[in-house]
Amino acid sequence: MAGIKRALISVSDKTGVIEMAKGLEALGAQILSTGGTSKALRDAGVNVTDVAAYTGSPEILDGRVKTLHPKIHGGLLGRRSLPAHVEQMSQHRIGPIDVVIVNLYPFEATIAKPDCRFEDAIENIDIGGPSMLRSAAKNHDDVLVVVDPADYSRVLDALKTETATPALRRELAMKVFQHTARYDGLIAGYLEKHTKGGEVKFPKVLSLQFELSETLRYGENPHQQGAFYRELNSHEPSVSRGKILHGKAMSYNNFLDANSALELVKEYHDTAVAIIKHNNPCGVALAATPVEAYVKARETDPVSAFGGVLAFNRVVDLATAKEITSTFVEVVIAPGFADDALVELKRKKDLRLLDIGPLTKVKQEGFDLKKLVGGLIVQDRDLGVLTDLRALTVPTIRKPTDEEYAACAFAWTVCKHVKSNAIIYAKPGQTVGIGAGQMSRVDSVKLAAMKAQMPVKGCVMASDAFFPFRDGLDAAAEVGITAVIQPGGSIRDAEVVKAADEHGMAMILTGMRHFRH
């Protein structure tokens, strides 16, 4: 774009805007601006023309009307290649505006404040900004429009070298409409909540905003394409916010397994390790140190752990790193790695290391989404926890021992993260057998025993949902299970409790189910 005549700058986020304005001025552009932006630029030594002076119309209605003027929008929308447009612009003394740099009133930051009043939110709905952005983006063949401060330097370089290609212009216009779509979605959601008198869990129109983080080598299978999108403004420690320190790029299945592993260990306050394979735990353990926890978790099912995904809720130290490199592992997720541990782990060139940062306690929120063909099913995340097992109903003659209570508490949490039908055999702080994803509960009971590599006798059993028949209890008794934790609620609960009594088992009823499909 040779001979830039005019640039309009009006921003809420002033990051980098002074340098950008000075660069445009150096290229000979007249700088138009408004309000606080005009003052900031002028204070920095930029020669600024106020929009009101340029249009000949003062700002009115407390600043609500300042850029909504034919000299502004005519300058943005006029097509330079159409003689009729050029003639009309000349007739009405409308000069072309070649560059627009606008970002919007901070509506999102305003409504995030705990004491935000409805009136303050409404005043932070930008009108002129989106109008200018949309006008400029529509006419992007003639107008370079910038909504993201991260684009300032490359746009300025393109202007200096006269290499503002059609592809660049189209990309910048696309970013504008992505930005304004999200902005409008936030406003619509806020107004819906206040129209309906408070929190609206499931809005009439669900607007989801995710940004493309990376394209993946393939999806779940090589014949499927895949991509990873990051949720905007999510601050919870997560795989999505993690930093890859080493190894090959994460795959679609790596992301699935890493998320499952991390969400499991986040449940525990004690040092915890989870090993995930095909989106199911194949070993979980608690211990005094990460290396002890990892070895205990691996003992559950060493064969399945081979090539698994590991998550820790503590920083990985050298001793743990040496245990990890003694076998084949795909991914390690942790809230940090000691320097010497990183040196050891990086000996495995393909081992993916994902640092998710400190596991600070933040509000856990958001939806669990599952895509259907032509639709979407939405629910709360399963954040249900039991804080005191001793307050729960024990319908059996025998009550759990202290050790059984501890083992049941541990196993119940693991059970929440296993595909249904889910059965967990466990000792305090260590899984012993995991039966996942079977179509009948009794088959999961038998599978957990079949998978166990350690003695099952004396372990407890956790079930993610009630037992429809006593056969699950009978099968568990055959391998030596002494206590059971399960939701209850079957029409045959009495029959199931009777079976537990006959086998001398203790039983805890949670009243809470943890299906995971």
Protein backbone atom coordinates (compact mmCIF):
# COMPACT_ATOMS: atom_id res chain seq x y z
CA MET A 1 0.00 0.00 0.00
CA ALA A 2 2.03 2.93 -1.27
CA GLY A 3 1.31 6.37 0.13
CA ILE A 4 -0.84 5.66 3.14
CA LYS A 5 -3.02 8.69 3.64
CA ARG A 6 -4.91 7.99 6.83
CA ALA A 7 -5.01 5.60 9.81
CA LEU A 8 -7.72 5.47 12.46
CA ILE A 9 -6.67 4.24 15.91
CA SER A 10 -9.07 3.70 18.82
CA VAL A 11 -8.11 1.06 21.35
CA SER A 12 -8.99 -0.05 24.85
CA ASP A 13 -5.89 -2.26 25.12
CA LYS A 14 -3.04 0.13 24.44
CA THR A 15 -0.30 -2.51 24.31
CA GLY A 16 2.16 -1.54 21.57
CA VAL A 17 -0.11 1.12 20.10
CA ILE A 18 2.29 4.05 20.52
CA GLU A 19 5.06 2.29 18.59
CA MET A 20 2.55 1.32 15.90
CA ALA A 21 1.23 4.88 15.60
CA LYS A 22 4.73 6.30 15.34
CA GLY A 23 5.53 3.77 12.61
CA LEU A 24 2.43 4.78 10.64
CA GLU A 25 3.21 8.45 11.10
CA ALA A 26 6.70 7.87 9.76
CA LEU A 27 5.09 6.41 6.63
CA GLY A 28 3.21 9.67 6.13
CA ALA A 29 -0.17 8.68 7.52
CA GLN A 30 -2.50 11.17 9.15
CA ILE A 31 -3.48 9.65 12.53
CA LEU A 32 -7.13 9.92 13.52
CA SER A 33 -8.11 8.99 17.04
CA THR A 34 -10.61 9.39 19.86
CA GLY A 35 -10.78 9.87 23.59
CA GLY A 36 -8.19 8.15 25.76
CA THR A 37 -6.28 6.79 22.77
CA SER A 38 -5.91 10.26 21.32
CA LYS A 39 -4.54 11.55 24.62
CA ALA A 40 -2.10 8.66 25.02
CA LEU A 41 -0.75 9.12 21.50
CA ARG A 42 -0.50 12.88 21.81
CA ASP A 43 1.30 12.57 25.16
CA ALA A 44 3.78 10.24 23.44
CA GLY A 45 4.54 12.86 20.78
CA VAL A 46 2.35 11.56 17.97
CA ASN A 47 0.62 14.20 15.87
CA VAL A 48 -3.05 13.25 16.28
CA THR A 49 -6.21 14.60 14.66
CA ASP A 50 -9.26 14.06 16.83
CA VAL A 51 -12.12 12.33 15.01
CA ALA A 52 -14.49 15.12 16.07
CA ALA A 53 -12.26 17.70 14.37
CA TYR A 54 -11.95 15.53 11.28
CA THR A 55 -15.69 14.93 10.87
CA GLY A 56 -16.75 18.38 12.04
CA SER A 57 -19.19 16.71 14.43
CA PRO A 58 -18.59 16.79 18.18
CA GLU A 59 -18.77 13.70 20.36
CA ILE A 60 -22.28 13.60 21.82
CA LEU A 61 -24.36 11.60 24.29
CA ASP A 62 -21.50 11.12 26.73
CA GLY A 63 -19.28 9.79 23.95
CA ARG A 64 -21.77 7.20 22.73
CA VAL A 65 -21.70 8.83 19.30
CA LYS A 66 -18.34 9.88 17.91
CA THR A 67 -17.23 7.61 15.04
CA LEU A 68 -20.71 6.84 13.64
CA HIS A 69 -20.34 9.35 10.82
CA PRO A 70 -20.30 9.21 6.98
CA LYS A 71 -16.78 10.65 6.84
CA ILE A 72 -15.59 7.68 8.92
CA HIS A 73 -17.63 4.85 7.45
CA GLY A 74 -17.52 6.29 3.95
CA GLY A 75 -13.74 6.39 4.28
CA LEU A 76 -13.77 2.74 5.34
CA LEU A 77 -16.36 1.31 2.96
CA GLY A 78 -15.59 3.27 -0.19
CA ARG A 79 -14.10 0.98 -2.86
CA ARG A 80 -11.07 2.61 -4.45
CA SER A 81 -11.43 0.54 -7.63
CA LEU A 82 -14.98 1.75 -8.40
CA PRO A 83 -15.08 5.15 -10.12
CA ALA A 84 -18.60 5.81 -8.81
CA HIS A 85 -17.41 5.32 -5.21
CA VAL A 86 -14.37 7.52 -5.78
CA GLU A 87 -16.55 10.24 -7.30
CA GLN A 88 -19.08 10.15 -4.43
CA MET A 89 -16.30 10.23 -1.82
CA SER A 90 -14.84 13.28 -3.53
CA GLN A 91 -18.28 14.90 -3.82
CA HIS A 92 -18.91 14.52 -0.09
CA ARG A 93 -15.33 15.33 0.86
CA ILE A 94 -14.72 11.88 2.34
CA GLY A 95 -11.07 10.90 2.51
CA PRO A 96 -10.04 7.23 2.36
CA ILE A 97 -8.99 5.56 5.58
CA ASP A 98 -6.30 3.00 4.76
CA VAL A 99 -5.57 1.42 8.14
CA VAL A 100 -7.89 0.76 11.10
CA ILE A 101 -6.56 -0.29 14.49
CA VAL A 102 -9.36 -0.93 16.95
CA ASN A 103 -10.00 -3.12 19.95
CA LEU A 104 -13.14 -2.97 21.98
CA TYR A 105 -14.41 -1.76 25.32
CA PRO A 106 -13.45 -4.29 28.02
CA PHE A 107 -16.90 -5.87 28.39
CA GLU A 108 -15.54 -9.25 29.46
CA ALA A 109 -13.23 -7.79 32.12
CA THR A 110 -16.05 -5.59 33.38
CA ILE A 111 -18.58 -8.40 33.92
CA ALA A 112 -15.86 -10.55 35.54
CA LYS A 113 -15.68 -8.11 38.47
CA PRO A 114 -17.59 -9.40 41.53
CA ASP A 115 -19.19 -6.01 42.12
CA CYS A 116 -20.11 -5.29 38.48
CA ARG A 117 -23.41 -3.46 38.21
CA PHE A 118 -25.72 -4.13 35.29
CA GLU A 119 -25.48 -0.45 34.29
CA ASP A 120 -21.66 -0.66 34.14
CA ALA A 121 -21.85 -3.73 31.93
CA ILE A 122 -24.19 -2.00 29.50
CA GLU A 123 -21.95 1.06 29.26
CA ASN A 124 -19.07 -1.24 28.32
CA ILE A 125 -20.87 -2.56 25.25
CA ASP A 126 -18.90 -1.05 22.39
CA ILE A 127 -20.93 0.20 19.41
CA GLY A 128 -18.61 2.34 17.32
CA GLY A 129 -15.68 -0.08 17.62
CA PRO A 130 -17.42 -3.15 16.14
CA SER A 131 -19.00 -0.93 13.47
CA MET A 132 -15.62 0.36 12.33
CA LEU A 133 -14.08 -3.10 12.48
CA ARG A 134 -16.86 -4.65 10.43
CA SER A 135 -16.78 -1.84 7.85
CA ALA A 136 -13.02 -2.11 7.46
CA ALA A 137 -13.07 -5.92 7.38
CA LYS A 138 -15.77 -5.94 4.70
CA ASN A 139 -13.61 -3.65 2.56
CA HIS A 140 -10.34 -5.43 3.39
CA ASP A 141 -9.13 -5.21 -0.22
CA ASP A 142 -8.62 -1.50 0.44
CA VAL A 143 -8.34 -1.26 4.24
CA LEU A 144 -5.90 -3.05 6.51
CA VAL A 145 -7.77 -3.76 9.76
CA VAL A 146 -5.97 -4.81 12.94
CA VAL A 147 -7.77 -6.03 16.06
CA ASP A 148 -4.93 -7.96 17.71
CA PRO A 149 -1.87 -6.11 19.08
CA ALA A 150 0.20 -9.20 18.27
CA ASP A 151 -0.22 -8.32 14.59
CA TYR A 152 1.15 -4.77 14.84
CA SER A 153 4.76 -5.52 13.91
CA ARG A 154 4.05 -7.70 10.90
CA VAL A 155 1.44 -5.25 9.57
CA LEU A 156 3.89 -2.38 9.94
CA ASP A 157 6.58 -4.41 8.16
CA ALA A 158 4.14 -5.20 5.34
CA LEU A 159 3.33 -1.51 4.98
CA LYS A 160 6.99 -0.50 4.93
CA THR A 161 7.84 -3.06 2.28
CA GLU A 162 4.56 -2.66 0.35
CA THR A 163 3.83 -6.38 0.79
CA ALA A 164 0.35 -6.23 2.31
CA THR A 165 -0.85 -9.20 0.28
CA PRO A 166 -4.48 -10.17 -0.31
CA ALA A 167 -3.86 -13.22 1.88
CA LEU A 168 -2.71 -11.04 4.79
CA ARG A 169 -5.66 -8.69 4.37
CA ARG A 170 -8.10 -11.61 4.31
CA GLU A 171 -6.54 -13.16 7.41
CA LEU A 172 -6.80 -9.88 9.34
CA ALA A 173 -10.43 -9.47 8.28
CA MET A 174 -11.17 -13.02 9.40
CA LYS A 175 -9.71 -12.27 12.84
CA VAL A 176 -12.01 -9.27 13.10
CA PHE A 177 -15.16 -11.32 12.58
CA GLN A 178 -13.92 -14.02 14.96
CA HIS A 179 -13.33 -11.31 17.55
CA THR A 180 -16.67 -9.56 17.12
CA ALA A 181 -18.55 -12.87 17.09
CA ARG A 182 -17.08 -13.76 20.46
CA TYR A 183 -17.77 -10.27 21.78
CA ASP A 184 -21.42 -10.46 20.72
CA GLY A 185 -21.73 -13.95 22.22
CA LEU A 186 -20.50 -12.69 25.60
CA ILE A 187 -23.01 -9.84 25.55
CA ALA A 188 -25.89 -12.11 24.54
CA GLY A 189 -25.02 -14.58 27.29
CA TYR A 190 -24.82 -11.83 29.90
CA LEU A 191 -28.16 -10.35 28.89
CA GLU A 192 -29.81 -13.78 28.89
CA LYS A 193 -28.75 -14.34 32.48
CA HIS A 194 -30.18 -11.01 33.54
CA THR A 195 -33.34 -11.41 31.49
CA LYS A 196 -34.08 -14.71 33.23
CA GLY A 197 -33.25 -13.40 36.68
CA GLY A 198 -29.89 -14.94 37.50
CA GLU A 199 -27.56 -17.71 36.47
CA VAL A 200 -28.50 -19.56 33.29
CA LYS A 201 -26.73 -22.89 33.18
CA PHE A 202 -27.79 -23.89 29.68
CA PRO A 203 -28.24 -20.85 27.38
CA LYS A 204 -30.69 -20.95 24.52
CA VAL A 205 -27.80 -20.53 22.08
CA LEU A 206 -24.57 -22.12 23.26
CA SER A 207 -21.64 -20.09 21.96
CA LEU A 208 -18.35 -21.95 22.27
CA GLN A 209 -15.07 -20.15 21.67
CA PHE A 210 -11.86 -22.12 21.19
CA GLU A 211 -8.69 -21.10 19.38
CA LEU A 212 -6.68 -23.44 17.19
CA SER A 213 -3.53 -24.40 19.06
CA GLU A 214 -2.10 -26.90 16.61
CA THR A 215 -2.97 -29.33 13.87
CA LEU A 216 -2.16 -32.93 14.77
CA ARG A 217 -0.46 -35.59 12.69
CA TYR A 218 -3.81 -37.38 12.55
CA GLY A 219 -6.87 -38.03 14.68
CA GLU A 220 -7.79 -41.13 16.62
CA ASN A 221 -6.73 -43.19 13.60
CA PRO A 222 -4.32 -42.35 10.76
CA HIS A 223 -7.08 -41.96 8.19
CA GLN A 224 -8.67 -39.19 10.30
CA GLN A 225 -7.39 -35.62 10.41
CA GLY A 226 -7.08 -34.01 13.83
CA ALA A 227 -6.52 -30.67 15.56
CA PHE A 228 -6.22 -29.35 19.09
CA TYR A 229 -8.18 -26.27 20.16
CA ARG A 230 -7.58 -24.37 23.38
CA GLU A 231 -10.50 -22.88 25.31
CA LEU A 232 -10.26 -19.11 25.59
CA ASN A 233 -9.87 -17.69 29.11
CA SER A 234 -9.60 -21.02 30.91
CA HIS A 235 -7.21 -20.64 33.86
CA GLU A 236 -7.51 -24.02 35.57
CA PRO A 237 -4.27 -26.05 35.56
CA SER A 238 -4.78 -28.47 32.70
CA VAL A 239 -3.22 -30.34 29.81
CA SER A 240 -4.61 -27.63 27.55
CA ARG A 241 -2.49 -25.02 29.34
CA GLY A 242 0.57 -27.23 29.67
CA LYS A 243 3.98 -26.57 28.16
CA ILE A 244 5.72 -29.23 26.08
CA LEU A 245 9.31 -29.43 27.33
CA HIS A 246 10.56 -32.32 25.21
CA GLY A 247 9.66 -35.08 22.82
CA LYS A 248 7.52 -35.62 19.77
CA ALA A 249 4.41 -33.57 19.16
CA MET A 250 1.40 -34.67 21.15
CA SER A 251 -1.07 -36.85 19.26
CA TYR A 252 -4.86 -36.86 19.45
CA ASN A 253 -4.79 -39.95 21.69
CA ASN A 254 -1.96 -38.49 23.80
CA PHE A 255 -4.12 -35.48 24.59
CA LEU A 256 -7.07 -37.70 25.58
CA ASP A 257 -4.97 -39.91 27.86
CA ALA A 258 -2.99 -37.01 29.33
CA ASN A 259 -6.18 -35.20 30.27
CA SER A 260 -7.61 -38.33 31.93
CA ALA A 261 -4.39 -38.94 33.87
CA LEU A 262 -4.04 -35.38 35.12
CA GLU A 263 -7.67 -35.02 36.16
CA LEU A 264 -7.34 -38.20 38.23
CA VAL A 265 -4.25 -37.16 40.20
CA LYS A 266 -5.72 -33.68 40.77
CA GLU A 267 -8.30 -35.42 42.99
CA TYR A 268 -5.70 -36.30 45.66
CA HIS A 269 -3.95 -34.16 48.24
CA ASP A 270 -1.32 -36.85 48.91
CA THR A 271 1.42 -37.61 46.40
CA ALA A 272 -0.34 -39.45 43.59
CA VAL A 273 0.51 -41.11 40.28
CA ALA A 274 -1.86 -42.36 37.59
CA ILE A 275 -0.95 -44.48 34.60
CA ILE A 276 -3.44 -44.29 31.74
CA LYS A 277 -3.76 -46.59 28.75
CA HIS A 278 -6.49 -46.18 26.13
CA ASN A 279 -8.19 -43.58 28.32
CA ASN A 280 -8.53 -45.90 31.33
CA PRO A 281 -6.33 -46.12 34.44
CA CYS A 282 -4.19 -49.24 34.55
CA GLY A 283 -2.55 -48.25 37.83
CA VAL A 284 -3.02 -45.57 40.49
CA ALA A 285 -1.19 -45.14 43.77
CA LEU A 286 -0.45 -42.81 46.67
CA ALA A 287 2.84 -42.75 48.56
CA ALA A 288 5.24 -40.54 50.48
CA THR A 289 7.33 -39.78 47.38
CA PRO A 290 6.70 -39.66 43.62
CA VAL A 291 9.01 -42.60 42.93
CA GLU A 292 7.27 -44.82 45.49
CA ALA A 293 3.86 -43.85 44.11
CA TYR A 294 4.98 -44.57 40.54
CA VAL A 295 6.40 -47.99 41.38
CA LYS A 296 3.21 -48.91 43.28
CA ALA A 297 1.00 -47.74 40.41
CA ARG A 298 3.06 -49.69 37.87
CA GLU A 299 2.78 -52.86 39.97
CA THR A 300 -0.98 -52.94 39.37
CA ASP A 301 -0.55 -53.96 35.73
CA PRO A 302 3.03 -53.73 34.42
CA VAL A 303 2.08 -55.10 31.00
CA SER A 304 -0.58 -52.46 30.37
CA ALA A 305 1.63 -49.73 31.87
CA PHE A 306 4.15 -50.31 29.05
CA GLY A 307 3.71 -47.41 26.63
CA GLY A 308 1.32 -45.63 29.00
CA VAL A 309 0.75 -42.00 29.91
CA LEU A 310 1.83 -40.93 33.42
CA ALA A 311 0.56 -38.06 35.53
CA PHE A 312 2.04 -36.82 38.80
CA ASN A 313 0.66 -34.22 41.20
CA ARG A 314 4.16 -33.48 42.48
CA VAL A 315 7.36 -32.29 40.83
CA VAL A 316 9.23 -35.20 39.23
CA ASP A 317 12.64 -35.72 40.84
CA LEU A 318 15.70 -37.66 39.64
CA ALA A 319 14.84 -40.92 41.39
CA THR A 320 11.41 -40.90 39.73
CA ALA A 321 12.92 -40.00 36.36
CA LYS A 322 15.25 -43.01 36.53
CA GLU A 323 12.29 -45.32 37.18
CA ILE A 324 10.42 -43.80 34.25
CA THR A 325 13.32 -44.26 31.83
CA SER A 326 13.73 -47.90 32.89
CA THR A 327 10.74 -48.77 30.69
CA PHE A 328 8.81 -47.38 27.73
CA VAL A 329 6.48 -44.46 28.46
CA GLU A 330 4.69 -42.20 25.96
CA VAL A 331 3.96 -39.05 28.01
CA VAL A 332 4.77 -37.68 31.46
CA ILE A 333 2.61 -34.87 32.89
CA ALA A 334 3.63 -33.09 36.08
CA PRO A 335 3.51 -29.71 37.82
CA GLY A 336 7.25 -29.41 37.24
CA PHE A 337 10.48 -31.34 36.73
CA ALA A 338 13.74 -31.04 38.68
CA ASP A 339 16.66 -29.99 36.50
CA ASP A 340 18.53 -33.29 36.90
CA ALA A 341 15.29 -35.20 36.29
CA LEU A 342 14.88 -33.37 32.97
CA VAL A 343 18.39 -34.35 31.92
CA GLU A 344 17.59 -37.98 32.67
CA LEU A 345 14.19 -37.96 30.95
CA LYS A 346 15.51 -36.22 27.85
CA ARG A 347 17.72 -39.21 27.20
CA LYS A 348 14.52 -40.69 25.72
CA LYS A 349 14.27 -38.57 22.59
CA ASP A 350 10.62 -39.34 21.85
CA LEU A 351 9.32 -39.11 25.44
CA ARG A 352 6.84 -36.25 25.68
CA LEU A 353 7.24 -34.13 28.81
CA LEU A 354 4.36 -31.82 29.68
CA ASP A 355 4.73 -29.24 32.46
CA ILE A 356 1.30 -28.03 33.60
CA GLY A 357 2.66 -25.63 36.22
CA PRO A 358 1.72 -25.42 39.89
CA LEU A 359 -1.52 -27.18 40.80
CA THR A 360 -2.96 -24.09 42.42
CA LYS A 361 -6.52 -24.42 43.62
CA VAL A 362 -8.79 -22.56 41.25
CA LYS A 363 -12.49 -22.84 40.65
CA GLN A 364 -13.27 -25.94 38.64
CA GLU A 365 -16.05 -25.19 36.22
CA GLY A 366 -17.21 -25.59 32.66
CA PHE A 367 -19.20 -28.13 30.74
CA ASP A 368 -18.53 -31.67 29.66
CA LEU A 369 -19.42 -31.80 25.95
CA LYS A 370 -20.02 -34.77 23.70
CA LYS A 371 -20.62 -34.31 19.99
CA LEU A 372 -23.40 -36.22 18.31
CA VAL A 373 -24.15 -36.24 14.60
CA GLY A 374 -26.18 -33.08 14.18
CA GLY A 375 -26.12 -32.14 17.85
CA LEU A 376 -24.37 -31.87 21.17
CA ILE A 377 -25.10 -33.20 24.64
CA VAL A 378 -23.93 -31.02 27.49
CA GLN A 379 -23.61 -31.59 31.22
CA ASP A 380 -21.73 -30.34 34.26
CA ARG A 381 -18.31 -31.86 34.77
CA ASP A 382 -18.39 -34.69 37.29
CA LEU A 383 -16.85 -32.85 40.24
CA GLY A 384 -18.73 -34.85 42.86
CA VAL A 385 -16.64 -35.84 45.87
CA LEU A 386 -17.27 -37.57 49.18
CA THR A 387 -15.56 -35.77 52.04
CA ASP A 388 -16.45 -38.13 54.92
CA LEU A 389 -17.12 -41.81 54.22
CA ARG A 390 -17.88 -42.43 57.88
CA ALA A 391 -20.99 -40.28 57.57
CA LEU A 392 -22.39 -42.57 54.86
CA THR A 393 -24.83 -45.45 55.29
CA VAL A 394 -23.40 -48.87 56.16
CA PRO A 395 -26.27 -51.38 55.70
CA THR A 396 -24.26 -54.50 56.49
CA ILE A 397 -23.87 -56.26 59.83
CA ARG A 398 -20.12 -55.75 59.81
CA LYS A 399 -18.79 -52.19 59.71
CA PRO A 400 -15.63 -51.30 57.76
CA THR A 401 -12.32 -51.23 59.60
CA ASP A 402 -10.17 -48.10 59.52
CA GLU A 403 -8.02 -49.70 56.83
CA GLU A 404 -11.08 -50.57 54.75
CA TYR A 405 -12.40 -47.04 55.03
CA ALA A 406 -9.06 -45.71 53.76
CA ALA A 407 -8.96 -48.20 50.90
CA CYS A 408 -12.58 -47.47 49.96
CA ALA A 409 -11.98 -43.73 49.91
CA PHE A 410 -9.01 -44.21 47.57
CA ALA A 411 -10.78 -46.73 45.32
CA TRP A 412 -13.96 -44.67 45.04
CA THR A 413 -12.00 -41.74 43.62
CA VAL A 414 -10.23 -43.96 41.09
CA CYS A 415 -13.55 -45.50 40.10
CA LYS A 416 -14.85 -42.10 39.03
CA HIS A 417 -12.22 -42.01 36.27
CA VAL A 418 -12.72 -45.51 34.85
CA LYS A 419 -15.03 -46.32 31.94
CA SER A 420 -18.33 -47.89 32.97
CA ASN A 421 -19.07 -50.50 34.05
CA ALA A 422 -16.18 -49.87 36.44
CA ILE A 423 -14.87 -52.04 39.27
CA ILE A 424 -11.75 -51.28 41.32
CA TYR A 425 -9.94 -53.64 43.70
CA ALA A 426 -7.63 -51.73 46.00
CA LYS A 427 -5.59 -51.55 49.15
CA PRO A 428 -5.07 -48.22 50.92
CA GLY A 429 -3.31 -46.03 48.37
CA GLN A 430 -2.85 -48.68 45.68
CA THR A 431 -4.98 -50.20 42.94
CA VAL A 432 -4.74 -53.99 42.68
CA GLY A 433 -7.19 -54.82 39.89
CA ILE A 434 -9.22 -52.67 37.47
CA GLY A 435 -12.21 -53.93 35.52
CA ALA A 436 -13.26 -51.32 32.97
CA GLY A 437 -15.81 -50.86 30.24
CA GLN A 438 -17.68 -54.16 30.40
CA MET A 439 -21.30 -54.46 29.36
CA SER A 440 -22.27 -56.30 32.58
CA ARG A 441 -21.10 -55.42 36.07
CA VAL A 442 -20.32 -58.99 37.06
CA ASP A 443 -17.97 -59.24 34.06
CA SER A 444 -16.11 -56.15 35.33
CA VAL A 445 -15.83 -57.83 38.74
CA LYS A 446 -14.31 -60.93 37.11
CA LEU A 447 -12.06 -58.85 34.84
CA ALA A 448 -10.62 -56.91 37.79
CA ALA A 449 -9.63 -60.22 39.38
CA MET A 450 -8.21 -61.52 36.12
CA LYS A 451 -6.09 -58.37 35.61
CA ALA A 452 -4.73 -58.34 39.17
CA GLN A 453 -1.00 -59.05 39.43
CA MET A 454 -0.95 -58.90 43.24
CA PRO A 455 -2.99 -60.89 45.77
CA VAL A 456 -6.60 -59.70 45.82
CA LYS A 457 -7.49 -61.32 49.12
CA GLY A 458 -8.13 -58.63 51.74
CA CYS A 459 -8.75 -55.86 49.19
CA VAL A 460 -11.84 -53.65 48.96
CA MET A 461 -14.00 -53.20 45.89
CA ALA A 462 -15.43 -49.97 44.47
CA SER A 463 -18.25 -49.94 41.91
CA ASP A 464 -19.24 -46.85 39.93
CA ALA A 465 -22.95 -47.81 40.00
CA PHE A 466 -25.21 -50.15 41.92
CA PHE A 467 -25.17 -53.94 41.65
CA PRO A 468 -28.35 -55.09 39.88
CA PHE A 469 -27.93 -58.62 41.25
CA ARG A 470 -25.99 -60.35 43.98
CA ASP A 471 -23.75 -62.17 41.48
CA GLY A 472 -21.19 -59.35 41.58
CA LEU A 473 -20.83 -59.74 45.35
CA ASP A 474 -20.58 -63.49 45.07
CA ALA A 475 -17.81 -63.22 42.46
CA ALA A 476 -15.93 -60.68 44.58
CA ALA A 477 -16.18 -62.89 47.65
CA GLU A 478 -14.63 -65.77 45.73
CA VAL A 479 -11.39 -63.81 45.30
CA GLY A 480 -11.29 -62.50 48.89
CA ILE A 481 -12.82 -58.98 48.77
CA THR A 482 -13.66 -57.87 52.32
CA ALA A 483 -15.48 -54.54 51.84
CA VAL A 484 -17.46 -52.79 49.12
CA ILE A 485 -18.25 -49.17 48.33
CA GLN A 486 -21.05 -48.58 45.85
CA PRO A 487 -23.91 -46.13 45.25
CA GLY A 488 -26.84 -48.41 46.09
CA GLY A 489 -30.28 -47.70 44.72
CA SER A 490 -31.07 -51.01 43.05
CA ILE A 491 -34.50 -52.59 43.53
CA ARG A 492 -32.47 -55.59 44.73
CA ASP A 493 -30.36 -53.70 47.29
CA ALA A 494 -31.68 -55.96 50.06
CA GLU A 495 -30.54 -59.03 48.10
CA VAL A 496 -27.11 -57.47 47.52
CA VAL A 497 -26.70 -56.50 51.19
CA LYS A 498 -27.76 -60.02 52.22
CA ALA A 499 -25.03 -61.43 49.97
CA ALA A 500 -22.46 -59.12 51.61
CA ASP A 501 -23.58 -60.27 55.06
CA GLU A 502 -23.36 -63.91 54.05
CA HIS A 503 -19.76 -63.37 52.94
CA GLY A 504 -18.85 -61.27 56.01
CA MET A 505 -18.28 -58.16 53.91
CA ALA A 506 -18.74 -54.57 55.01
CA MET A 507 -20.56 -52.27 52.61
CA ILE A 508 -20.70 -48.48 52.24
CA LEU A 509 -23.50 -46.86 50.23
CA THR A 510 -22.54 -43.52 48.70
CA GLY A 511 -25.85 -42.45 47.14
CA MET A 512 -23.71 -41.03 44.32
CA ARG A 513 -23.07 -42.63 40.93
CA HIS A 514 -20.03 -42.08 38.70
CA PHE A 515 -20.93 -43.38 35.25
CA ARG A 516 -18.27 -42.56 32.67
CA HIS A 517 -19.16 -43.43 29.09
